[in-house]
Amino acid sequence: MKKIIMGAGLLVASLSAQAVETAVGLSASTFGPGVEVTFGINENISVRGHFSSVTINLDDYITDLDAVQDKNAVATGDFDLGAVGILFDYHPFGGKFRVSTGLLQNNNELKSSATVTNEPIGSATAASCATPGQCYTGTLSLGVDMGGTVPYFGMGFGSAASEGFPIGFGFDIGVVPMNV
């Protein structure tokens, strides 16, 4: 079953190395760290290409669970973040304020599993695990893929592809539906 969850804010902070109408910048967003290339069409319209990707290994966070510390469980997990997309920026006043829309290929995915071996149930002890029904053994797997091509709508401040100081800062706040 597919649900659409509105992603709270693609928040992008960019440091840009500028040319007169083209700029390359670094970004940080809910899709992870990335790179953007901006092409200025005129003073009101620009086009941005976006690429971001990072993998967060959850193994370090999972080891805090009691069963894992007791060596009765093995748990692993990875959280992959990333997106590739094209965004169209409209600067209605010809300045830094912009309204943006575009398409993103959402590559966010969560993969995790836990295997429990000989975990005593209730008042059972580890020694009674030889008796059937006294201990739990099993595996739990979780996979959530939020991938798919999704629209982006937002607004922000900044115009990397403009004349002036060669270093800039910008941000966006917007919404991205996520397929779950």
C-alpha atoms as a PDB file:
ATOM      1  CA  MET A   1       0.000   0.000   0.000  1.00  0.00           C
ATOM      2  CA  LYS A   2       1.398   3.332  -0.981  1.00  0.00           C
ATOM      3  CA  LYS A   3       1.006   6.302   1.266  1.00  0.00           C
ATOM      4  CA  ILE A   4       2.111   9.802   0.534  1.00  0.00           C
ATOM      5  CA  ILE A   5       3.886  11.498   3.353  1.00  0.00           C
ATOM      6  CA  MET A   6       4.735  15.117   2.912  1.00  0.00           C
ATOM      7  CA  GLY A   7       8.438  15.446   3.582  1.00  0.00           C
ATOM      8  CA  ALA A   8       9.051  18.352   5.865  1.00  0.00           C
ATOM      9  CA  GLY A   9      11.304  20.686   4.095  1.00  0.00           C
ATOM     10  CA  LEU A  10      14.015  20.212   1.605  1.00  0.00           C
ATOM     11  CA  LEU A  11      16.304  22.615   3.388  1.00  0.00           C
ATOM     12  CA  VAL A  12      19.264  23.446   1.252  1.00  0.00           C
ATOM     13  CA  ALA A  13      22.205  25.579   2.321  1.00  0.00           C
ATOM     14  CA  SER A  14      24.514  26.386  -0.553  1.00  0.00           C
ATOM     15  CA  LEU A  15      28.000  27.815  -0.803  1.00  0.00           C
ATOM     16  CA  SER A  16      28.514  28.682  -4.425  1.00  0.00           C
ATOM     17  CA  ALA A  17      31.510  29.342  -6.603  1.00  0.00           C
ATOM     18  CA  GLN A  18      29.973  31.698  -9.132  1.00  0.00           C
ATOM     19  CA  ALA A  19      30.391  32.569 -12.742  1.00  0.00           C
ATOM     20  CA  VAL A  20      28.220  35.244 -14.351  1.00  0.00           C
ATOM     21  CA  GLU A  21      25.420  32.844 -15.335  1.00  0.00           C
ATOM     22  CA  THR A  22      26.578  29.432 -14.093  1.00  0.00           C
ATOM     23  CA  ALA A  23      27.449  28.307 -10.575  1.00  0.00           C
ATOM     24  CA  VAL A  24      28.440  25.106  -8.792  1.00  0.00           C
ATOM     25  CA  GLY A  25      27.575  24.786  -5.113  1.00  0.00           C
ATOM     26  CA  LEU A  26      27.661  22.427  -2.160  1.00  0.00           C
ATOM     27  CA  SER A  27      24.365  21.604  -0.456  1.00  0.00           C
ATOM     28  CA  ALA A  28      23.060  20.015   2.720  1.00  0.00           C
ATOM     29  CA  SER A  29      19.471  18.785   2.764  1.00  0.00           C
ATOM     30  CA  THR A  30      17.141  16.109   4.060  1.00  0.00           C
ATOM     31  CA  PHE A  31      18.511  14.013   1.176  1.00  0.00           C
ATOM     32  CA  GLY A  32      22.075  14.299   2.510  1.00  0.00           C
ATOM     33  CA  PRO A  33      25.111  16.286   1.384  1.00  0.00           C
ATOM     34  CA  GLY A  34      25.235  17.103  -2.283  1.00  0.00           C
ATOM     35  CA  VAL A  35      26.235  19.225  -5.230  1.00  0.00           C
ATOM     36  CA  GLU A  36      24.136  21.656  -7.258  1.00  0.00           C
ATOM     37  CA  VAL A  37      24.780  23.271 -10.618  1.00  0.00           C
ATOM     38  CA  THR A  38      22.776  26.409 -11.414  1.00  0.00           C
ATOM     39  CA  PHE A  39      22.305  27.944 -14.856  1.00  0.00           C
ATOM     40  CA  GLY A  40      20.877  31.450 -15.035  1.00  0.00           C
ATOM     41  CA  ILE A  41      18.554  31.873 -18.014  1.00  0.00           C
ATOM     42  CA  ASN A  42      17.786  35.543 -17.282  1.00  0.00           C
ATOM     43  CA  GLU A  43      17.415  37.677 -14.167  1.00  0.00           C
ATOM     44  CA  ASN A  44      14.091  35.986 -13.308  1.00  0.00           C
ATOM     45  CA  ILE A  45      14.637  32.328 -14.246  1.00  0.00           C
ATOM     46  CA  SER A  46      17.320  29.797 -13.391  1.00  0.00           C
ATOM     47  CA  VAL A  47      17.599  26.012 -13.597  1.00  0.00           C
ATOM     48  CA  ARG A  48      19.331  23.885 -10.948  1.00  0.00           C
ATOM     49  CA  GLY A  49      20.592  20.327 -11.213  1.00  0.00           C
ATOM     50  CA  HIS A  50      20.809  18.545  -7.839  1.00  0.00           C
ATOM     51  CA  PHE A  51      22.704  15.414  -6.749  1.00  0.00           C
ATOM     52  CA  SER A  52      23.017  14.177  -3.160  1.00  0.00           C
ATOM     53  CA  SER A  53      23.872  10.873  -1.504  1.00  0.00           C
ATOM     54  CA  VAL A  54      24.958   9.460   1.867  1.00  0.00           C
ATOM     55  CA  THR A  55      24.698   6.132   3.711  1.00  0.00           C
ATOM     56  CA  ILE A  56      24.282   6.126   7.483  1.00  0.00           C
ATOM     57  CA  ASN A  57      25.290   2.853   9.154  1.00  0.00           C
ATOM     58  CA  LEU A  58      22.896   2.192  12.039  1.00  0.00           C
ATOM     59  CA  ASP A  59      24.959  -0.590  13.659  1.00  0.00           C
ATOM     60  CA  ASP A  60      26.517   1.817  16.186  1.00  0.00           C
ATOM     61  CA  TYR A  61      23.088   3.001  17.337  1.00  0.00           C
ATOM     62  CA  ILE A  62      21.597  -0.493  17.537  1.00  0.00           C
ATOM     63  CA  THR A  63      24.274  -1.811  19.940  1.00  0.00           C
ATOM     64  CA  ASP A  64      22.649   0.155  22.784  1.00  0.00           C
ATOM     65  CA  LEU A  65      19.758  -2.347  22.925  1.00  0.00           C
ATOM     66  CA  ASP A  66      19.812  -4.627  25.989  1.00  0.00           C
ATOM     67  CA  ALA A  67      19.540  -7.867  23.979  1.00  0.00           C
ATOM     68  CA  VAL A  68      22.465  -6.818  21.785  1.00  0.00           C
ATOM     69  CA  GLN A  69      24.597  -6.030  24.841  1.00  0.00           C
ATOM     70  CA  ASP A  70      23.726  -9.483  26.242  1.00  0.00           C
ATOM     71  CA  LYS A  71      25.014 -11.017  22.971  1.00  0.00           C
ATOM     72  CA  ASN A  72      21.634 -12.710  22.393  1.00  0.00           C
ATOM     73  CA  ALA A  73      20.933 -10.589  19.308  1.00  0.00           C
ATOM     74  CA  VAL A  74      22.676  -9.417  16.199  1.00  0.00           C
ATOM     75  CA  ALA A  75      21.275  -6.276  14.596  1.00  0.00           C
ATOM     76  CA  THR A  76      22.327  -4.414  11.483  1.00  0.00           C
ATOM     77  CA  GLY A  77      20.973  -1.516   9.496  1.00  0.00           C
ATOM     78  CA  ASP A  78      21.664   1.101   6.861  1.00  0.00           C
ATOM     79  CA  PHE A  79      19.815   4.308   6.032  1.00  0.00           C
ATOM     80  CA  ASP A  80      20.513   5.494   2.487  1.00  0.00           C
ATOM     81  CA  LEU A  81      19.674   9.097   1.658  1.00  0.00           C
ATOM     82  CA  GLY A  82      19.907  10.710  -1.732  1.00  0.00           C
ATOM     83  CA  ALA A  83      18.236  12.413  -4.654  1.00  0.00           C
ATOM     84  CA  VAL A  84      18.882  13.465  -8.215  1.00  0.00           C
ATOM     85  CA  GLY A  85      16.763  16.187  -9.687  1.00  0.00           C
ATOM     86  CA  ILE A  86      16.127  19.278 -11.730  1.00  0.00           C
ATOM     87  CA  LEU A  87      14.624  22.411 -10.202  1.00  0.00           C
ATOM     88  CA  PHE A  88      13.286  25.526 -11.888  1.00  0.00           C
ATOM     89  CA  ASP A  89      13.631  28.780  -9.947  1.00  0.00           C
ATOM     90  CA  TYR A  90      11.514  31.858 -10.601  1.00  0.00           C
ATOM     91  CA  HIS A  91      12.739  35.129  -9.090  1.00  0.00           C
ATOM     92  CA  PRO A  92       9.564  37.263  -9.322  1.00  0.00           C
ATOM     93  CA  PHE A  93      11.293  40.512  -8.392  1.00  0.00           C
ATOM     94  CA  GLY A  94      14.573  39.814 -10.170  1.00  0.00           C
ATOM     95  CA  GLY A  95      16.358  39.601  -6.805  1.00  0.00           C
ATOM     96  CA  LYS A  96      17.337  36.822  -4.437  1.00  0.00           C
ATOM     97  CA  PHE A  97      13.833  35.624  -3.391  1.00  0.00           C
ATOM     98  CA  ARG A  98      12.718  32.615  -5.436  1.00  0.00           C
ATOM     99  CA  VAL A  99       9.838  30.217  -5.913  1.00  0.00           C
ATOM    100  CA  SER A 100      10.953  26.753  -7.042  1.00  0.00           C
ATOM    101  CA  THR A 101       9.436  23.659  -8.566  1.00  0.00           C
ATOM    102  CA  GLY A 102      10.901  20.564 -10.128  1.00  0.00           C
ATOM    103  CA  LEU A 103      11.266  16.802 -10.129  1.00  0.00           C
ATOM    104  CA  LEU A 104      13.446  14.684  -7.849  1.00  0.00           C
ATOM    105  CA  GLN A 105      14.357  11.016  -8.035  1.00  0.00           C
ATOM    106  CA  ASN A 106      14.096  10.136  -4.338  1.00  0.00           C
ATOM    107  CA  ASN A 107      16.634   7.445  -3.359  1.00  0.00           C
ATOM    108  CA  ASN A 108      15.874   7.268   0.393  1.00  0.00           C
ATOM    109  CA  GLU A 109      15.807   3.719   1.766  1.00  0.00           C
ATOM    110  CA  LEU A 110      15.990   2.054   5.195  1.00  0.00           C
ATOM    111  CA  LYS A 111      17.201  -1.542   5.555  1.00  0.00           C
ATOM    112  CA  SER A 112      17.474  -3.217   8.945  1.00  0.00           C
ATOM    113  CA  SER A 113      17.387  -6.685  10.480  1.00  0.00           C
ATOM    114  CA  ALA A 114      17.686  -8.213  13.934  1.00  0.00           C
ATOM    115  CA  THR A 115      18.254 -11.867  14.837  1.00  0.00           C
ATOM    116  CA  VAL A 116      17.596 -13.029  18.387  1.00  0.00           C
ATOM    117  CA  THR A 117      18.956 -16.392  19.540  1.00  0.00           C
ATOM    118  CA  ASN A 118      18.034 -18.148  22.796  1.00  0.00           C
ATOM    119  CA  GLU A 119      16.430 -15.155  24.502  1.00  0.00           C
ATOM    120  CA  PRO A 120      14.608 -16.439  27.628  1.00  0.00           C
ATOM    121  CA  ILE A 121      10.848 -15.789  27.690  1.00  0.00           C
ATOM    122  CA  GLY A 122       9.242 -14.480  30.875  1.00  0.00           C
ATOM    123  CA  SER A 123      10.711 -16.127  33.978  1.00  0.00           C
ATOM    124  CA  ALA A 124      12.765 -18.675  31.982  1.00  0.00           C
ATOM    125  CA  THR A 125      16.519 -18.664  32.460  1.00  0.00           C
ATOM    126  CA  ALA A 126      19.261 -19.073  29.889  1.00  0.00           C
ATOM    127  CA  ALA A 127      19.849 -22.608  31.209  1.00  0.00           C
ATOM    128  CA  SER A 128      16.248 -23.592  30.376  1.00  0.00           C
ATOM    129  CA  CYS A 129      16.657 -22.662  26.707  1.00  0.00           C
ATOM    130  CA  ALA A 130      17.261 -26.331  25.902  1.00  0.00           C
ATOM    131  CA  THR A 131      13.556 -26.920  26.667  1.00  0.00           C
ATOM    132  CA  PRO A 132      11.306 -26.083  23.656  1.00  0.00           C
ATOM    133  CA  GLY A 133       9.057 -23.064  24.218  1.00  0.00           C
ATOM    134  CA  GLN A 134      11.210 -21.524  26.953  1.00  0.00           C
ATOM    135  CA  CYS A 135      13.308 -19.269  24.719  1.00  0.00           C
ATOM    136  CA  TYR A 136      12.778 -17.180  21.629  1.00  0.00           C
ATOM    137  CA  THR A 137      14.791 -17.487  18.447  1.00  0.00           C
ATOM    138  CA  GLY A 138      13.887 -15.495  15.343  1.00  0.00           C
ATOM    139  CA  THR A 139      14.679 -12.817  12.809  1.00  0.00           C
ATOM    140  CA  LEU A 140      12.930  -9.521  12.169  1.00  0.00           C
ATOM    141  CA  SER A 141      13.640  -7.646   8.941  1.00  0.00           C
ATOM    142  CA  LEU A 142      12.542  -4.143   7.998  1.00  0.00           C
ATOM    143  CA  GLY A 143      12.800  -2.477   4.632  1.00  0.00           C
ATOM    144  CA  VAL A 144      11.320   0.881   3.675  1.00  0.00           C
ATOM    145  CA  ASP A 145      11.919   2.225   0.177  1.00  0.00           C
ATOM    146  CA  MET A 146      10.782   5.807  -0.331  1.00  0.00           C
ATOM    147  CA  GLY A 147      12.117   5.907  -3.864  1.00  0.00           C
ATOM    148  CA  GLY A 148      10.380   7.211  -6.926  1.00  0.00           C
ATOM    149  CA  THR A 149      10.159  10.345  -8.977  1.00  0.00           C
ATOM    150  CA  VAL A 150       8.404  13.032  -6.960  1.00  0.00           C
ATOM    151  CA  PRO A 151       7.585  16.714  -7.438  1.00  0.00           C
ATOM    152  CA  TYR A 152       9.212  19.456  -5.378  1.00  0.00           C
ATOM    153  CA  PHE A 153       7.574  22.763  -4.472  1.00  0.00           C
ATOM    154  CA  GLY A 154       9.288  25.389  -2.383  1.00  0.00           C
ATOM    155  CA  MET A 155      10.589  28.868  -1.934  1.00  0.00           C
ATOM    156  CA  GLY A 156      13.908  30.218  -0.893  1.00  0.00           C
ATOM    157  CA  PHE A 157      16.457  32.963  -0.949  1.00  0.00           C
ATOM    158  CA  GLY A 158      19.595  33.172  -3.044  1.00  0.00           C
ATOM    159  CA  SER A 159      20.659  33.194  -6.640  1.00  0.00           C
ATOM    160  CA  ALA A 160      23.935  31.421  -7.277  1.00  0.00           C
ATOM    161  CA  ALA A 161      24.012  32.358 -10.949  1.00  0.00           C
ATOM    162  CA  SER A 162      24.216  36.152 -10.657  1.00  0.00           C
ATOM    163  CA  GLU A 163      26.892  38.776 -10.923  1.00  0.00           C
ATOM    164  CA  GLY A 164      28.607  40.009  -7.783  1.00  0.00           C
ATOM    165  CA  PHE A 165      30.590  38.454  -4.971  1.00  0.00           C
ATOM    166  CA  PRO A 166      31.813  34.979  -6.043  1.00  0.00           C
ATOM    167  CA  ILE A 167      30.713  33.200  -2.841  1.00  0.00           C
ATOM    168  CA  GLY A 168      27.022  32.977  -1.980  1.00  0.00           C
ATOM    169  CA  PHE A 169      24.655  31.421   0.504  1.00  0.00           C
ATOM    170  CA  GLY A 170      21.103  30.331  -0.188  1.00  0.00           C
ATOM    171  CA  PHE A 171      18.361  28.214   1.288  1.00  0.00           C
ATOM    172  CA  ASP A 172      15.118  26.527   0.276  1.00  0.00           C
ATOM    173  CA  ILE A 173      12.208  25.306   2.304  1.00  0.00           C
ATOM    174  CA  GLY A 174       9.610  23.185   0.616  1.00  0.00           C
ATOM    175  CA  VAL A 175       7.707  19.934   0.442  1.00  0.00           C
ATOM    176  CA  VAL A 176       8.429  16.617  -1.239  1.00  0.00           C
ATOM    177  CA  PRO A 177       5.844  13.810  -1.236  1.00  0.00           C
ATOM    178  CA  MET A 178       7.458  10.477  -0.322  1.00  0.00           C
ATOM    179  CA  ASN A 179       6.292   7.055  -1.461  1.00  0.00           C
ATOM    180  CA  VAL A 180       6.189   4.648   1.466  1.00  0.00           C
END
